[in-house]
Amino acid sequence: MKEQKVNKRKLTGKVVSDKSDKTVVVNVSRYVAHKKYGKYYKIDKRYKAHDENNEYKVGETVIIEESRPISKDKNFIVIGHK
């Protein structure tokens, strides 16, 4: 069998909540151009990410990486901070 190389999404965002055990909520902001008018506007999206040792706190900028589903709505793992 051949091994397939999988490109996992890596996103950078700010931790907005660390109240859950082994989970942090990360807010990722990005700028997108409007289809018709071309004006750029900001889109914020929140992702729940796995934090095994509860080491990341609110306000830190972290890098999260896509992974297998860990729970119902947790599909990312924190891989480091910026």
C-alpha atoms as a PDB file:
ATOM      1  CA  MET A   1       0.000   0.000   0.000  1.00  0.00           C
ATOM      2  CA  LYS A   2       1.073   3.547  -0.733  1.00  0.00           C
ATOM      3  CA  GLU A   3       1.050   6.148   1.987  1.00  0.00           C
ATOM      4  CA  GLN A   4      -0.970   9.200   1.115  1.00  0.00           C
ATOM      5  CA  LYS A   5       0.333  12.615   2.058  1.00  0.00           C
ATOM      6  CA  VAL A   6      -2.412  14.584   3.757  1.00  0.00           C
ATOM      7  CA  ASN A   7      -2.285  18.367   3.862  1.00  0.00           C
ATOM      8  CA  LYS A   8      -3.778  19.427   7.171  1.00  0.00           C
ATOM      9  CA  ARG A   9      -5.116  22.952   7.584  1.00  0.00           C
ATOM     10  CA  LYS A  10      -3.133  25.139   9.962  1.00  0.00           C
ATOM     11  CA  LEU A  11      -4.827  28.244  11.343  1.00  0.00           C
ATOM     12  CA  THR A  12      -3.618  31.016  13.633  1.00  0.00           C
ATOM     13  CA  GLY A  13      -5.900  32.640  16.169  1.00  0.00           C
ATOM     14  CA  LYS A  14      -6.387  33.946  19.674  1.00  0.00           C
ATOM     15  CA  VAL A  15      -7.584  31.869  22.628  1.00  0.00           C
ATOM     16  CA  VAL A  16     -10.902  33.326  23.827  1.00  0.00           C
ATOM     17  CA  SER A  17     -11.862  30.640  26.364  1.00  0.00           C
ATOM     18  CA  ASP A  18     -10.004  27.999  28.377  1.00  0.00           C
ATOM     19  CA  LYS A  19     -12.739  27.007  30.815  1.00  0.00           C
ATOM     20  CA  SER A  20     -13.270  23.463  29.485  1.00  0.00           C
ATOM     21  CA  ASP A  21     -10.924  20.644  30.497  1.00  0.00           C
ATOM     22  CA  LYS A  22      -8.354  19.886  27.751  1.00  0.00           C
ATOM     23  CA  THR A  23     -10.148  22.241  25.347  1.00  0.00           C
ATOM     24  CA  VAL A  24      -9.591  25.834  24.255  1.00  0.00           C
ATOM     25  CA  VAL A  25     -11.782  27.987  22.022  1.00  0.00           C
ATOM     26  CA  VAL A  26      -9.739  29.794  19.367  1.00  0.00           C
ATOM     27  CA  ASN A  27     -11.026  32.794  17.410  1.00  0.00           C
ATOM     28  CA  VAL A  28      -9.637  32.904  13.843  1.00  0.00           C
ATOM     29  CA  SER A  29     -10.023  36.165  11.878  1.00  0.00           C
ATOM     30  CA  ARG A  30      -9.622  36.485   8.130  1.00  0.00           C
ATOM     31  CA  TYR A  31     -10.270  39.140   5.508  1.00  0.00           C
ATOM     32  CA  VAL A  32     -12.384  38.279   2.460  1.00  0.00           C
ATOM     33  CA  ALA A  33     -13.202  40.337  -0.621  1.00  0.00           C
ATOM     34  CA  HIS A  34     -16.897  40.905  -1.318  1.00  0.00           C
ATOM     35  CA  LYS A  35     -17.893  39.177  -4.580  1.00  0.00           C
ATOM     36  CA  LYS A  36     -19.746  42.106  -6.097  1.00  0.00           C
ATOM     37  CA  TYR A  37     -18.167  45.201  -4.576  1.00  0.00           C
ATOM     38  CA  GLY A  38     -14.593  44.052  -3.969  1.00  0.00           C
ATOM     39  CA  LYS A  39     -14.458  45.609  -0.508  1.00  0.00           C
ATOM     40  CA  TYR A  40     -12.596  43.573   2.109  1.00  0.00           C
ATOM     41  CA  TYR A  41     -14.397  42.678   5.316  1.00  0.00           C
ATOM     42  CA  LYS A  42     -13.484  40.644   8.382  1.00  0.00           C
ATOM     43  CA  ILE A  43     -14.891  37.195   9.153  1.00  0.00           C
ATOM     44  CA  ASP A  44     -14.402  35.713  12.632  1.00  0.00           C
ATOM     45  CA  LYS A  45     -14.841  31.997  13.275  1.00  0.00           C
ATOM     46  CA  ARG A  46     -14.384  30.092  16.515  1.00  0.00           C
ATOM     47  CA  TYR A  47     -12.904  26.608  16.662  1.00  0.00           C
ATOM     48  CA  LYS A  48     -12.643  24.253  19.607  1.00  0.00           C
ATOM     49  CA  ALA A  49      -9.161  22.774  19.825  1.00  0.00           C
ATOM     50  CA  HIS A  50      -7.660  19.998  21.949  1.00  0.00           C
ATOM     51  CA  ASP A  51      -5.141  21.174  24.565  1.00  0.00           C
ATOM     52  CA  GLU A  52      -3.889  18.036  26.316  1.00  0.00           C
ATOM     53  CA  ASN A  53      -2.024  19.715  29.199  1.00  0.00           C
ATOM     54  CA  ASN A  54      -4.257  22.797  29.685  1.00  0.00           C
ATOM     55  CA  GLU A  55      -1.202  25.001  29.021  1.00  0.00           C
ATOM     56  CA  TYR A  56      -2.750  27.766  26.856  1.00  0.00           C
ATOM     57  CA  LYS A  57      -4.566  30.684  28.482  1.00  0.00           C
ATOM     58  CA  VAL A  58      -6.957  33.411  27.296  1.00  0.00           C
ATOM     59  CA  GLY A  59      -5.289  36.044  25.115  1.00  0.00           C
ATOM     60  CA  GLU A  60      -2.465  33.881  23.758  1.00  0.00           C
ATOM     61  CA  THR A  61      -1.989  33.576  19.996  1.00  0.00           C
ATOM     62  CA  VAL A  62      -1.835  29.894  19.014  1.00  0.00           C
ATOM     63  CA  ILE A  63      -1.512  27.706  15.923  1.00  0.00           C
ATOM     64  CA  ILE A  64      -4.093  24.943  15.515  1.00  0.00           C
ATOM     65  CA  GLU A  65      -3.983  22.000  13.113  1.00  0.00           C
ATOM     66  CA  GLU A  66      -6.801  19.928  11.666  1.00  0.00           C
ATOM     67  CA  SER A  67      -7.069  16.366  13.006  1.00  0.00           C
ATOM     68  CA  ARG A  68      -9.438  13.464  13.281  1.00  0.00           C
ATOM     69  CA  PRO A  69     -12.677  14.196  15.179  1.00  0.00           C
ATOM     70  CA  ILE A  70     -11.926  14.204  18.904  1.00  0.00           C
ATOM     71  CA  SER A  71     -15.490  14.964  19.987  1.00  0.00           C
ATOM     72  CA  LYS A  72     -18.753  16.153  18.431  1.00  0.00           C
ATOM     73  CA  ASP A  73     -17.423  19.606  17.563  1.00  0.00           C
ATOM     74  CA  LYS A  74     -13.668  19.381  18.247  1.00  0.00           C
ATOM     75  CA  ASN A  75     -11.574  18.672  15.118  1.00  0.00           C
ATOM     76  CA  PHE A  76      -8.399  20.658  15.819  1.00  0.00           C
ATOM     77  CA  ILE A  77      -5.307  20.253  18.005  1.00  0.00           C
ATOM     78  CA  VAL A  78      -3.187  23.096  19.377  1.00  0.00           C
ATOM     79  CA  ILE A  79       0.360  22.604  18.052  1.00  0.00           C
ATOM     80  CA  GLY A  80       2.076  25.701  19.474  1.00  0.00           C
ATOM     81  CA  HIS A  81       1.938  29.396  20.147  1.00  0.00           C
ATOM     82  CA  LYS A  82       3.198  32.309  18.129  1.00  0.00           C
END
